Amino acid sequence: MRTIAIVPVKRFSNAKQRLADTLPARSRVALMQAMVTDVLIALRRAQLVEGVIVVTGEPIAEQIAINYNAEVLPDAHDLGHSEAVAAGVQWALGRGAERVILVPGDCPVLDPAEVDGLLAPEPHGGPEVTIVPDRHGTGTNALVLTPPDVMPASFGEGSRARHAEAAKAAGAAVFEAEPLTLLLDVDTGEDLEALQARLEEIRGGASHTRGLLPRIL
């Protein structure tokens, strides 16, 4: 099944404002650059992902995408997360995608094996949605949509329940999964502490983020 990953990335100057009390602007930009790089490396190493689309208006992110053989869908207006995903889904459909996985650019410990684990189960033949919640249990960090336009994504507070309801309304089978490396995205100082703790627990992976953190913290 042809599967394309979609990674929406905000302009770095607008990203991670909730980290402003922890990191100065220059360090937040460097962190975003490192995290996006680590996410794209992981997706490129996943066996079951055939293509990657980065939806962004950030020139640095565009160059990172090109460096790792991802397609760039320009986002000149810096669309919101859900709107950027919707544009990416239409782009993926035009490239023959039968399934998409929506992944944030701020999950730097993403493990290619866990991506493949999400995609490995044989499809049941009808529409399916797999929801990966955030570590707090109420939001959504990733979605697997079969077919790609089975339902519109609607990220943000309370999106875990919202996505489950939308999937059921679309007649899709709904699954939930909690791969550890996809549960941890970085938006706050608390998330950054959790990331540091996670990096101490695992060996390998997230090489760019791992190398950066001691220099900015």
N, C-alpha and C. Protein backbone atom coordinates (compact mmCIF):
# COMPACT_ATOMS: atom_id res chain seq x y z
N MET A 1 0.85 -1.19 0.00
CA MET A 1 0.00 0.00 0.00
C MET A 1 0.89 1.25 0.00
N ARG A 2 0.68 2.09 -0.99
CA ARG A 2 1.52 3.28 -1.12
C ARG A 2 1.22 4.26 0.01
N THR A 3 2.21 4.50 0.84
CA THR A 3 2.05 5.33 2.03
C THR A 3 3.00 6.53 1.97
N ILE A 4 2.43 7.70 2.18
CA ILE A 4 3.22 8.94 2.19
C ILE A 4 3.08 9.60 3.55
N ALA A 5 4.19 10.06 4.08
CA ALA A 5 4.20 10.80 5.35
C ALA A 5 4.07 12.29 5.06
N ILE A 6 3.28 12.97 5.86
CA ILE A 6 3.08 14.41 5.73
C ILE A 6 3.56 15.07 7.02
N VAL A 7 4.47 16.04 6.87
CA VAL A 7 5.05 16.72 8.03
C VAL A 7 4.82 18.23 7.87
N PRO A 8 3.86 18.80 8.59
CA PRO A 8 3.68 20.26 8.54
C PRO A 8 4.68 20.95 9.46
N VAL A 9 5.30 22.01 8.96
CA VAL A 9 6.32 22.72 9.75
C VAL A 9 6.04 24.22 9.67
N LYS A 10 5.81 24.85 10.82
CA LYS A 10 5.61 26.30 10.87
C LYS A 10 6.92 27.03 10.55
N ARG A 11 6.78 28.31 10.20
CA ARG A 11 7.97 29.15 10.13
C ARG A 11 8.64 29.13 11.50
N PHE A 12 9.93 28.96 11.51
CA PHE A 12 10.64 28.80 12.78
C PHE A 12 10.48 30.02 13.68
N SER A 13 10.35 31.20 13.09
CA SER A 13 10.21 32.42 13.90
C SER A 13 8.88 32.44 14.66
N ASN A 14 7.89 31.68 14.16
CA ASN A 14 6.58 31.64 14.81
C ASN A 14 6.39 30.41 15.69
N ALA A 15 7.36 29.52 15.68
CA ALA A 15 7.20 28.24 16.36
C ALA A 15 7.71 28.30 17.80
N LYS A 16 7.12 27.43 18.61
CA LYS A 16 7.60 27.19 19.98
C LYS A 16 7.62 28.45 20.85
N GLN A 17 6.55 29.24 20.73
CA GLN A 17 6.46 30.45 21.55
C GLN A 17 6.33 30.11 23.03
N ARG A 18 5.79 28.93 23.33
CA ARG A 18 5.64 28.54 24.74
C ARG A 18 6.97 28.17 25.39
N LEU A 19 8.02 28.10 24.57
CA LEU A 19 9.36 27.87 25.11
C LEU A 19 10.12 29.18 25.34
N ALA A 20 9.45 30.30 25.14
CA ALA A 20 10.14 31.60 25.21
C ALA A 20 10.74 31.87 26.59
N ASP A 21 10.11 31.33 27.64
CA ASP A 21 10.65 31.54 28.98
C ASP A 21 11.85 30.63 29.26
N THR A 22 12.03 29.63 28.40
CA THR A 22 13.12 28.66 28.60
C THR A 22 14.28 28.90 27.66
N LEU A 23 13.96 29.29 26.42
CA LEU A 23 14.99 29.44 25.39
C LEU A 23 14.84 30.77 24.67
N PRO A 24 15.93 31.45 24.34
CA PRO A 24 15.84 32.64 23.50
C PRO A 24 15.48 32.25 22.07
N ALA A 25 15.10 33.24 21.27
CA ALA A 25 14.61 32.97 19.92
C ALA A 25 15.62 32.19 19.09
N ARG A 26 16.89 32.56 19.16
CA ARG A 26 17.90 31.88 18.34
C ARG A 26 17.98 30.39 18.70
N SER A 27 17.88 30.08 19.97
CA SER A 27 17.95 28.68 20.40
C SER A 27 16.69 27.92 19.99
N ARG A 28 15.54 28.59 19.99
CA ARG A 28 14.31 27.92 19.55
C ARG A 28 14.39 27.57 18.08
N VAL A 29 14.95 28.48 17.29
CA VAL A 29 15.13 28.19 15.86
C VAL A 29 16.07 27.01 15.67
N ALA A 30 17.17 27.01 16.40
CA ALA A 30 18.12 25.90 16.29
C ALA A 30 17.48 24.58 16.71
N LEU A 31 16.65 24.62 17.75
CA LEU A 31 15.96 23.41 18.20
C LEU A 31 15.00 22.90 17.14
N MET A 32 14.23 23.79 16.54
CA MET A 32 13.32 23.36 15.48
C MET A 32 14.08 22.73 14.32
N GLN A 33 15.18 23.35 13.94
CA GLN A 33 15.98 22.83 12.84
C GLN A 33 16.46 21.41 13.17
N ALA A 34 16.94 21.21 14.38
CA ALA A 34 17.43 19.88 14.77
C ALA A 34 16.30 18.86 14.82
N MET A 35 15.16 19.25 15.38
CA MET A 35 14.06 18.30 15.52
C MET A 35 13.50 17.89 14.17
N VAL A 36 13.30 18.86 13.28
CA VAL A 36 12.79 18.53 11.95
C VAL A 36 13.75 17.59 11.22
N THR A 37 15.04 17.86 11.35
CA THR A 37 16.03 16.99 10.72
C THR A 37 15.93 15.57 11.24
N ASP A 38 15.82 15.40 12.56
CA ASP A 38 15.73 14.06 13.14
C ASP A 38 14.45 13.35 12.72
N VAL A 39 13.34 14.08 12.62
CA VAL A 39 12.08 13.47 12.18
C VAL A 39 12.21 12.97 10.74
N LEU A 40 12.78 13.79 9.86
CA LEU A 40 12.91 13.38 8.46
C LEU A 40 13.86 12.21 8.30
N ILE A 41 14.92 12.17 9.07
CA ILE A 41 15.83 11.02 9.02
C ILE A 41 15.08 9.75 9.41
N ALA A 42 14.29 9.83 10.48
CA ALA A 42 13.54 8.65 10.93
C ALA A 42 12.54 8.19 9.88
N LEU A 43 11.82 9.12 9.27
CA LEU A 43 10.83 8.75 8.25
C LEU A 43 11.50 8.14 7.04
N ARG A 44 12.66 8.65 6.67
CA ARG A 44 13.37 8.11 5.52
C ARG A 44 13.89 6.70 5.80
N ARG A 45 14.10 6.38 7.06
CA ARG A 45 14.58 5.04 7.42
C ARG A 45 13.45 4.04 7.63
N ALA A 46 12.22 4.53 7.69
CA ALA A 46 11.07 3.64 7.85
C ALA A 46 10.84 2.88 6.54
N GLN A 47 10.75 1.58 6.63
CA GLN A 47 10.64 0.73 5.43
C GLN A 47 9.31 0.91 4.70
N LEU A 48 8.24 1.23 5.45
CA LEU A 48 6.90 1.25 4.87
C LEU A 48 6.44 2.64 4.45
N VAL A 49 7.31 3.62 4.57
CA VAL A 49 7.01 4.98 4.09
C VAL A 49 7.68 5.17 2.74
N GLU A 50 6.88 5.40 1.71
CA GLU A 50 7.42 5.49 0.35
C GLU A 50 7.75 6.91 -0.07
N GLY A 51 7.22 7.88 0.63
CA GLY A 51 7.51 9.27 0.29
C GLY A 51 7.21 10.17 1.47
N VAL A 52 7.83 11.33 1.48
CA VAL A 52 7.63 12.30 2.57
C VAL A 52 7.35 13.66 1.95
N ILE A 53 6.32 14.32 2.45
CA ILE A 53 5.97 15.67 2.02
C ILE A 53 6.09 16.60 3.22
N VAL A 54 6.86 17.67 3.07
CA VAL A 54 6.97 18.69 4.12
C VAL A 54 6.19 19.91 3.66
N VAL A 55 5.19 20.29 4.45
CA VAL A 55 4.37 21.46 4.14
C VAL A 55 4.90 22.62 4.97
N THR A 56 5.50 23.60 4.32
CA THR A 56 6.17 24.65 5.09
C THR A 56 6.38 25.92 4.27
N GLY A 57 6.47 27.03 4.99
CA GLY A 57 6.90 28.28 4.39
C GLY A 57 8.24 28.73 4.95
N GLU A 58 8.89 27.82 5.68
CA GLU A 58 10.16 28.13 6.32
C GLU A 58 11.32 27.72 5.41
N PRO A 59 12.13 28.68 4.96
CA PRO A 59 13.22 28.35 4.03
C PRO A 59 14.20 27.31 4.57
N ILE A 60 14.51 27.38 5.87
CA ILE A 60 15.44 26.40 6.43
C ILE A 60 14.83 25.00 6.37
N ALA A 61 13.55 24.89 6.70
CA ALA A 61 12.87 23.59 6.64
C ALA A 61 12.81 23.07 5.20
N GLU A 62 12.61 23.97 4.26
CA GLU A 62 12.60 23.56 2.85
C GLU A 62 13.94 22.93 2.47
N GLN A 63 15.03 23.55 2.90
CA GLN A 63 16.35 23.03 2.56
C GLN A 63 16.61 21.69 3.25
N ILE A 64 16.17 21.57 4.50
CA ILE A 64 16.32 20.29 5.19
C ILE A 64 15.55 19.20 4.45
N ALA A 65 14.33 19.52 4.02
CA ALA A 65 13.52 18.55 3.28
C ALA A 65 14.24 18.10 2.01
N ILE A 66 14.78 19.05 1.27
CA ILE A 66 15.50 18.72 0.04
C ILE A 66 16.70 17.84 0.35
N ASN A 67 17.40 18.16 1.43
CA ASN A 67 18.59 17.37 1.80
C ASN A 67 18.25 15.91 2.08
N TYR A 68 17.02 15.66 2.55
CA TYR A 68 16.63 14.29 2.90
C TYR A 68 15.59 13.73 1.94
N ASN A 69 15.62 14.24 0.70
CA ASN A 69 14.81 13.69 -0.39
C ASN A 69 13.32 13.70 -0.10
N ALA A 70 12.86 14.71 0.61
CA ALA A 70 11.43 14.90 0.82
C ALA A 70 10.93 15.96 -0.16
N GLU A 71 9.67 15.84 -0.55
CA GLU A 71 9.06 16.87 -1.39
C GLU A 71 8.65 18.05 -0.52
N VAL A 72 8.67 19.22 -1.09
CA VAL A 72 8.27 20.43 -0.38
C VAL A 72 6.98 20.97 -0.99
N LEU A 73 5.96 21.12 -0.15
CA LEU A 73 4.74 21.80 -0.56
C LEU A 73 4.78 23.19 0.08
N PRO A 74 4.98 24.24 -0.71
CA PRO A 74 5.13 25.57 -0.14
C PRO A 74 3.88 26.02 0.61
N ASP A 75 4.08 26.63 1.75
CA ASP A 75 3.00 27.15 2.59
C ASP A 75 3.27 28.64 2.81
N ALA A 76 2.97 29.42 1.79
CA ALA A 76 3.33 30.84 1.81
C ALA A 76 2.61 31.61 2.91
N HIS A 77 1.44 31.12 3.33
CA HIS A 77 0.63 31.86 4.31
C HIS A 77 0.79 31.31 5.72
N ASP A 78 1.70 30.36 5.92
CA ASP A 78 1.92 29.76 7.24
C ASP A 78 0.59 29.30 7.83
N LEU A 79 -0.06 28.39 7.11
CA LEU A 79 -1.35 27.86 7.51
C LEU A 79 -1.25 27.22 8.89
N GLY A 80 -2.38 27.09 9.54
CA GLY A 80 -2.41 26.35 10.79
C GLY A 80 -2.12 24.88 10.55
N HIS A 81 -1.90 24.15 11.63
CA HIS A 81 -1.50 22.74 11.53
C HIS A 81 -2.51 21.93 10.71
N SER A 82 -3.79 22.05 11.05
CA SER A 82 -4.81 21.25 10.36
C SER A 82 -4.93 21.64 8.89
N GLU A 83 -4.84 22.94 8.61
CA GLU A 83 -4.95 23.40 7.22
C GLU A 83 -3.75 22.94 6.40
N ALA A 84 -2.57 22.98 7.00
CA ALA A 84 -1.37 22.50 6.30
C ALA A 84 -1.47 21.02 6.00
N VAL A 85 -1.99 20.26 6.96
CA VAL A 85 -2.19 18.82 6.75
C VAL A 85 -3.17 18.58 5.60
N ALA A 86 -4.27 19.34 5.56
CA ALA A 86 -5.26 19.17 4.50
C ALA A 86 -4.63 19.41 3.13
N ALA A 87 -3.79 20.43 3.03
CA ALA A 87 -3.10 20.69 1.76
C ALA A 87 -2.17 19.53 1.42
N GLY A 88 -1.48 19.01 2.43
CA GLY A 88 -0.58 17.88 2.20
C GLY A 88 -1.32 16.63 1.75
N VAL A 89 -2.49 16.40 2.31
CA VAL A 89 -3.29 15.23 1.92
C VAL A 89 -3.67 15.32 0.44
N GLN A 90 -4.11 16.48 -0.01
CA GLN A 90 -4.47 16.63 -1.42
C GLN A 90 -3.25 16.42 -2.32
N TRP A 91 -2.11 16.92 -1.89
CA TRP A 91 -0.86 16.74 -2.63
C TRP A 91 -0.51 15.25 -2.71
N ALA A 92 -0.66 14.55 -1.58
CA ALA A 92 -0.34 13.12 -1.54
C ALA A 92 -1.28 12.32 -2.44
N LEU A 93 -2.55 12.67 -2.43
CA LEU A 93 -3.50 11.98 -3.30
C LEU A 93 -3.11 12.13 -4.77
N GLY A 94 -2.63 13.30 -5.12
CA GLY A 94 -2.18 13.53 -6.49
C GLY A 94 -0.96 12.73 -6.86
N ARG A 95 -0.28 12.19 -5.86
CA ARG A 95 0.90 11.35 -6.09
C ARG A 95 0.62 9.88 -5.84
N GLY A 96 -0.66 9.55 -5.83
CA GLY A 96 -1.04 8.14 -5.77
C GLY A 96 -1.04 7.52 -4.39
N ALA A 97 -1.06 8.33 -3.34
CA ALA A 97 -1.06 7.77 -1.99
C ALA A 97 -2.36 7.04 -1.71
N GLU A 98 -2.24 5.85 -1.15
CA GLU A 98 -3.40 5.09 -0.69
C GLU A 98 -3.60 5.26 0.81
N ARG A 99 -2.57 5.74 1.45
CA ARG A 99 -2.60 5.94 2.91
C ARG A 99 -1.59 7.03 3.25
N VAL A 100 -1.91 7.83 4.27
CA VAL A 100 -0.94 8.82 4.74
C VAL A 100 -0.74 8.66 6.24
N ILE A 101 0.43 9.01 6.69
CA ILE A 101 0.71 9.14 8.11
C ILE A 101 1.09 10.59 8.36
N LEU A 102 0.39 11.22 9.28
CA LEU A 102 0.60 12.63 9.60
C LEU A 102 1.48 12.70 10.84
N VAL A 103 2.64 13.31 10.70
CA VAL A 103 3.65 13.30 11.76
C VAL A 103 4.08 14.74 12.05
N PRO A 104 4.17 15.14 13.32
CA PRO A 104 4.66 16.49 13.63
C PRO A 104 6.17 16.58 13.46
N GLY A 105 6.64 17.78 13.25
CA GLY A 105 8.08 17.97 13.08
C GLY A 105 8.84 18.12 14.38
N ASP A 106 8.13 17.97 15.51
CA ASP A 106 8.78 18.18 16.81
C ASP A 106 8.77 16.93 17.69
N CYS A 107 8.87 15.77 17.05
CA CYS A 107 9.00 14.48 17.77
C CYS A 107 10.37 13.89 17.44
N PRO A 108 11.44 14.48 17.95
CA PRO A 108 12.78 14.12 17.45
C PRO A 108 13.25 12.72 17.80
N VAL A 109 12.64 12.08 18.81
CA VAL A 109 13.08 10.72 19.16
C VAL A 109 12.35 9.66 18.34
N LEU A 110 11.62 10.09 17.33
CA LEU A 110 10.86 9.17 16.48
C LEU A 110 11.73 8.00 16.02
N ASP A 111 11.20 6.79 16.21
CA ASP A 111 11.91 5.56 15.88
C ASP A 111 11.33 4.98 14.59
N PRO A 112 12.13 4.77 13.55
CA PRO A 112 11.62 4.20 12.30
C PRO A 112 10.90 2.87 12.51
N ALA A 113 11.37 2.07 13.44
CA ALA A 113 10.72 0.78 13.70
C ALA A 113 9.31 0.98 14.24
N GLU A 114 9.10 2.02 15.04
CA GLU A 114 7.76 2.28 15.55
C GLU A 114 6.85 2.82 14.46
N VAL A 115 7.41 3.59 13.53
CA VAL A 115 6.62 4.02 12.37
C VAL A 115 6.17 2.80 11.58
N ASP A 116 7.09 1.89 11.31
CA ASP A 116 6.73 0.67 10.58
C ASP A 116 5.73 -0.17 11.36
N GLY A 117 5.85 -0.18 12.68
CA GLY A 117 4.89 -0.92 13.50
C GLY A 117 3.48 -0.36 13.37
N LEU A 118 3.36 0.95 13.25
CA LEU A 118 2.05 1.57 13.04
C LEU A 118 1.44 1.18 11.70
N LEU A 119 2.32 1.03 10.71
CA LEU A 119 1.85 0.81 9.34
C LEU A 119 1.77 -0.66 8.96
N ALA A 120 2.31 -1.54 9.79
CA ALA A 120 2.44 -2.96 9.43
C ALA A 120 1.13 -3.74 9.39
N PRO A 121 0.16 -3.49 10.29
CA PRO A 121 -1.05 -4.32 10.27
C PRO A 121 -1.74 -4.29 8.91
N GLU A 122 -2.19 -5.46 8.47
CA GLU A 122 -2.87 -5.55 7.19
C GLU A 122 -4.17 -4.76 7.23
N PRO A 123 -4.43 -3.91 6.24
CA PRO A 123 -5.70 -3.18 6.19
C PRO A 123 -6.88 -4.14 6.13
N HIS A 124 -7.98 -3.72 6.72
CA HIS A 124 -9.17 -4.57 6.77
C HIS A 124 -10.03 -4.47 5.51
N GLY A 125 -9.64 -3.61 4.60
CA GLY A 125 -10.38 -3.52 3.34
C GLY A 125 -11.28 -2.32 3.25
N GLY A 126 -11.59 -1.68 4.36
CA GLY A 126 -12.41 -0.48 4.37
C GLY A 126 -11.62 0.69 4.90
N PRO A 127 -12.27 1.83 5.06
CA PRO A 127 -11.57 3.00 5.60
C PRO A 127 -11.13 2.77 7.04
N GLU A 128 -9.95 3.27 7.37
CA GLU A 128 -9.39 3.09 8.71
C GLU A 128 -8.71 4.37 9.18
N VAL A 129 -8.76 4.59 10.47
CA VAL A 129 -8.05 5.71 11.10
C VAL A 129 -7.34 5.18 12.34
N THR A 130 -6.04 5.44 12.43
CA THR A 130 -5.29 5.13 13.65
C THR A 130 -4.86 6.43 14.29
N ILE A 131 -5.19 6.58 15.57
CA ILE A 131 -4.90 7.80 16.31
C ILE A 131 -3.76 7.54 17.29
N VAL A 132 -2.76 8.40 17.25
CA VAL A 132 -1.68 8.37 18.25
C VAL A 132 -1.85 9.60 19.13
N PRO A 133 -2.23 9.43 20.39
CA PRO A 133 -2.43 10.59 21.26
C PRO A 133 -1.11 11.23 21.68
N ASP A 134 -1.21 12.43 22.23
CA ASP A 134 -0.02 13.02 22.84
C ASP A 134 0.19 12.40 24.22
N ARG A 135 1.27 12.76 24.87
CA ARG A 135 1.60 12.10 26.14
C ARG A 135 0.64 12.50 27.26
N HIS A 136 -0.14 13.57 27.04
CA HIS A 136 -1.12 13.98 28.04
C HIS A 136 -2.45 13.25 27.86
N GLY A 137 -2.63 12.61 26.70
CA GLY A 137 -3.79 11.76 26.49
C GLY A 137 -4.99 12.43 25.86
N THR A 138 -4.97 13.74 25.66
CA THR A 138 -6.14 14.42 25.12
C THR A 138 -5.95 14.94 23.69
N GLY A 139 -4.72 15.24 23.34
CA GLY A 139 -4.43 15.72 21.98
C GLY A 139 -4.05 14.59 21.05
N THR A 140 -3.64 14.95 19.84
CA THR A 140 -3.24 13.97 18.83
C THR A 140 -1.85 14.32 18.32
N ASN A 141 -0.94 13.37 18.36
CA ASN A 141 0.39 13.60 17.81
C ASN A 141 0.53 13.09 16.39
N ALA A 142 -0.16 12.02 16.05
CA ALA A 142 -0.05 11.46 14.70
C ALA A 142 -1.36 10.79 14.32
N LEU A 143 -1.59 10.72 13.01
CA LEU A 143 -2.75 10.02 12.47
C LEU A 143 -2.30 9.18 11.28
N VAL A 144 -2.89 8.00 11.15
CA VAL A 144 -2.75 7.20 9.94
C VAL A 144 -4.13 7.14 9.30
N LEU A 145 -4.24 7.62 8.08
CA LEU A 145 -5.53 7.73 7.39
C LEU A 145 -5.54 6.86 6.15
N THR A 146 -6.51 5.95 6.07
CA THR A 146 -6.67 5.07 4.92
C THR A 146 -8.14 5.09 4.50
N PRO A 147 -8.47 5.67 3.35
CA PRO A 147 -7.62 6.40 2.42
C PRO A 147 -7.23 7.77 3.00
N PRO A 148 -6.35 8.50 2.33
CA PRO A 148 -5.87 9.76 2.89
C PRO A 148 -6.96 10.78 3.21
N ASP A 149 -8.05 10.77 2.45
CA ASP A 149 -9.11 11.75 2.65
C ASP A 149 -10.32 11.16 3.36
N VAL A 150 -10.09 10.13 4.17
CA VAL A 150 -11.20 9.49 4.88
C VAL A 150 -11.92 10.48 5.79
N MET A 151 -11.19 11.44 6.33
CA MET A 151 -11.79 12.47 7.19
C MET A 151 -10.82 13.64 7.28
N PRO A 152 -11.32 14.83 7.60
CA PRO A 152 -10.40 15.95 7.80
C PRO A 152 -9.75 15.88 9.17
N ALA A 153 -8.48 16.21 9.24
CA ALA A 153 -7.80 16.28 10.53
C ALA A 153 -8.15 17.59 11.22
N SER A 154 -8.23 17.54 12.54
CA SER A 154 -8.57 18.73 13.32
C SER A 154 -7.74 18.71 14.60
N PHE A 155 -6.50 19.17 14.50
CA PHE A 155 -5.58 19.10 15.63
C PHE A 155 -5.88 20.20 16.65
N GLY A 156 -5.26 20.07 17.81
CA GLY A 156 -5.45 21.04 18.87
C GLY A 156 -6.02 20.38 20.11
N GLU A 157 -6.37 21.20 21.08
CA GLU A 157 -6.87 20.70 22.36
C GLU A 157 -8.10 19.83 22.16
N GLY A 158 -8.12 18.66 22.79
CA GLY A 158 -9.26 17.75 22.68
C GLY A 158 -9.35 17.00 21.37
N SER A 159 -8.29 17.01 20.58
CA SER A 159 -8.39 16.43 19.23
C SER A 159 -8.44 14.91 19.23
N ARG A 160 -7.97 14.26 20.29
CA ARG A 160 -8.04 12.79 20.32
C ARG A 160 -9.49 12.33 20.21
N ALA A 161 -10.37 12.88 21.05
CA ALA A 161 -11.78 12.52 21.00
C ALA A 161 -12.42 13.02 19.71
N ARG A 162 -12.05 14.19 19.28
CA ARG A 162 -12.63 14.77 18.06
C ARG A 162 -12.30 13.91 16.85
N HIS A 163 -11.07 13.42 16.76
CA HIS A 163 -10.70 12.57 15.64
C HIS A 163 -11.43 11.23 15.68
N ALA A 164 -11.61 10.68 16.87
CA ALA A 164 -12.33 9.41 16.99
C ALA A 164 -13.78 9.58 16.52
N GLU A 165 -14.40 10.68 16.91
CA GLU A 165 -15.78 10.93 16.50
C GLU A 165 -15.88 11.14 15.00
N ALA A 166 -14.94 11.89 14.43
CA ALA A 166 -14.96 12.15 12.98
C ALA A 166 -14.75 10.86 12.20
N ALA A 167 -13.87 10.00 12.69
CA ALA A 167 -13.61 8.73 12.01
C ALA A 167 -14.85 7.85 12.01
N LYS A 168 -15.51 7.77 13.16
CA LYS A 168 -16.73 6.96 13.24
C LYS A 168 -17.81 7.52 12.34
N ALA A 169 -17.94 8.84 12.30
CA ALA A 169 -18.94 9.47 11.43
C ALA A 169 -18.66 9.19 9.97
N ALA A 170 -17.38 8.98 9.63
CA ALA A 170 -17.00 8.67 8.24
C ALA A 170 -17.13 7.18 7.93
N GLY A 171 -17.54 6.39 8.92
CA GLY A 171 -17.68 4.96 8.70
C GLY A 171 -16.37 4.21 8.73
N ALA A 172 -15.35 4.80 9.34
CA ALA A 172 -14.03 4.17 9.37
C ALA A 172 -13.86 3.34 10.64
N ALA A 173 -13.07 2.28 10.51
CA ALA A 173 -12.64 1.55 11.69
C ALA A 173 -11.62 2.41 12.43
N VAL A 174 -11.75 2.49 13.75
CA VAL A 174 -10.90 3.38 14.54
C VAL A 174 -9.98 2.56 15.44
N PHE A 175 -8.70 2.86 15.35
CA PHE A 175 -7.71 2.20 16.20
C PHE A 175 -6.91 3.27 16.93
N GLU A 176 -6.36 2.89 18.06
CA GLU A 176 -5.45 3.79 18.77
C GLU A 176 -4.15 3.05 19.05
N ALA A 177 -3.06 3.79 19.01
CA ALA A 177 -1.74 3.21 19.27
C ALA A 177 -0.93 4.22 20.06
N GLU A 178 0.00 3.73 20.86
CA GLU A 178 0.81 4.61 21.69
C GLU A 178 2.29 4.27 21.58
N PRO A 179 2.86 4.39 20.37
CA PRO A 179 4.30 4.19 20.25
C PRO A 179 5.04 5.26 21.03
N LEU A 180 5.94 4.84 21.90
CA LEU A 180 6.55 5.77 22.85
C LEU A 180 7.23 6.96 22.18
N THR A 181 7.87 6.72 21.05
CA THR A 181 8.66 7.80 20.44
C THR A 181 7.79 8.80 19.68
N LEU A 182 6.51 8.49 19.52
CA LEU A 182 5.61 9.45 18.88
C LEU A 182 4.75 10.19 19.90
N LEU A 183 4.79 9.76 21.15
CA LEU A 183 3.97 10.41 22.17
C LEU A 183 4.58 11.73 22.63
N LEU A 184 5.88 11.89 22.42
CA LEU A 184 6.59 13.03 22.99
C LEU A 184 6.90 14.08 21.93
N ASP A 185 6.08 15.13 21.90
CA ASP A 185 6.40 16.30 21.10
C ASP A 185 6.84 17.41 22.06
N VAL A 186 7.46 18.43 21.53
CA VAL A 186 8.09 19.43 22.38
C VAL A 186 7.45 20.80 22.14
N ASP A 187 6.65 21.23 23.12
CA ASP A 187 6.01 22.54 23.04
C ASP A 187 6.32 23.43 24.23
N THR A 188 6.61 22.82 25.37
CA THR A 188 6.78 23.57 26.62
C THR A 188 8.09 23.19 27.30
N GLY A 189 8.44 23.96 28.33
CA GLY A 189 9.62 23.63 29.10
C GLY A 189 9.52 22.25 29.73
N GLU A 190 8.31 21.89 30.16
CA GLU A 190 8.09 20.55 30.73
C GLU A 190 8.35 19.47 29.69
N ASP A 191 7.90 19.72 28.45
CA ASP A 191 8.16 18.76 27.37
C ASP A 191 9.66 18.63 27.12
N LEU A 192 10.35 19.75 27.19
CA LEU A 192 11.80 19.74 26.96
C LEU A 192 12.51 18.90 28.02
N GLU A 193 12.05 19.01 29.26
CA GLU A 193 12.61 18.18 30.33
C GLU A 193 12.32 16.70 30.07
N ALA A 194 11.10 16.41 29.61
CA ALA A 194 10.75 15.02 29.30
C ALA A 194 11.60 14.49 28.16
N LEU A 195 11.88 15.35 27.18
CA LEU A 195 12.75 14.95 26.07
C LEU A 195 14.15 14.62 26.57
N GLN A 196 14.69 15.46 27.42
CA GLN A 196 16.02 15.19 27.97
C GLN A 196 16.06 13.86 28.70
N ALA A 197 15.02 13.60 29.50
CA ALA A 197 14.96 12.34 30.24
C ALA A 197 14.87 11.15 29.29
N ARG A 198 14.08 11.32 28.23
CA ARG A 198 13.94 10.22 27.26
C ARG A 198 15.25 9.95 26.55
N LEU A 199 15.97 10.99 26.18
CA LEU A 199 17.24 10.81 25.49
C LEU A 199 18.27 10.11 26.36
N GLU A 200 18.15 10.30 27.67
CA GLU A 200 19.07 9.61 28.58
C GLU A 200 18.74 8.12 28.68
N GLU A 201 17.48 7.77 28.36
CA GLU A 201 17.04 6.38 28.48
C GLU A 201 17.36 5.55 27.25
N ILE A 202 17.48 6.19 26.10
CA ILE A 202 17.64 5.44 24.86
C ILE A 202 19.04 5.66 24.29
N ARG A 203 19.46 4.70 23.51
CA ARG A 203 20.75 4.81 22.83
C ARG A 203 20.48 5.02 21.35
N GLY A 204 21.18 5.96 20.76
CA GLY A 204 21.02 6.21 19.33
C GLY A 204 19.77 7.02 19.04
N GLY A 205 19.67 7.47 17.80
CA GLY A 205 18.52 8.25 17.37
C GLY A 205 18.61 9.70 17.82
N ALA A 206 17.82 10.54 17.16
CA ALA A 206 17.73 11.97 17.50
C ALA A 206 19.10 12.62 17.59
N SER A 207 19.98 12.27 16.68
CA SER A 207 21.38 12.70 16.80
C SER A 207 21.54 14.21 16.77
N HIS A 208 20.76 14.89 15.93
CA HIS A 208 20.90 16.35 15.84
C HIS A 208 20.38 17.04 17.10
N THR A 209 19.23 16.60 17.57
CA THR A 209 18.67 17.18 18.79
C THR A 209 19.54 16.83 20.00
N ARG A 210 19.98 15.61 20.04
CA ARG A 210 20.83 15.15 21.15
C ARG A 210 22.12 15.99 21.22
N GLY A 211 22.69 16.28 20.07
CA GLY A 211 23.92 17.06 20.05
C GLY A 211 23.70 18.52 20.37
N LEU A 212 22.50 19.04 20.07
CA LEU A 212 22.23 20.46 20.28
C LEU A 212 21.92 20.81 21.73
N LEU A 213 21.13 19.99 22.40
CA LEU A 213 20.60 20.36 23.71
C LEU A 213 21.67 20.80 24.71
N PRO A 214 22.81 20.11 24.82
CA PRO A 214 23.81 20.58 25.80
C PRO A 214 24.34 21.98 25.49
N ARG A 215 24.21 22.41 24.24
CA ARG A 215 24.74 23.73 23.86
C ARG A 215 23.75 24.86 24.11
N ILE A 216 22.46 24.53 24.24
CA ILE A 216 21.47 25.59 24.38
C ILE A 216 20.80 25.60 25.75
N LEU A 217 21.02 24.58 26.55
CA LEU A 217 20.37 24.51 27.86
C LEU A 217 21.37 24.80 28.98
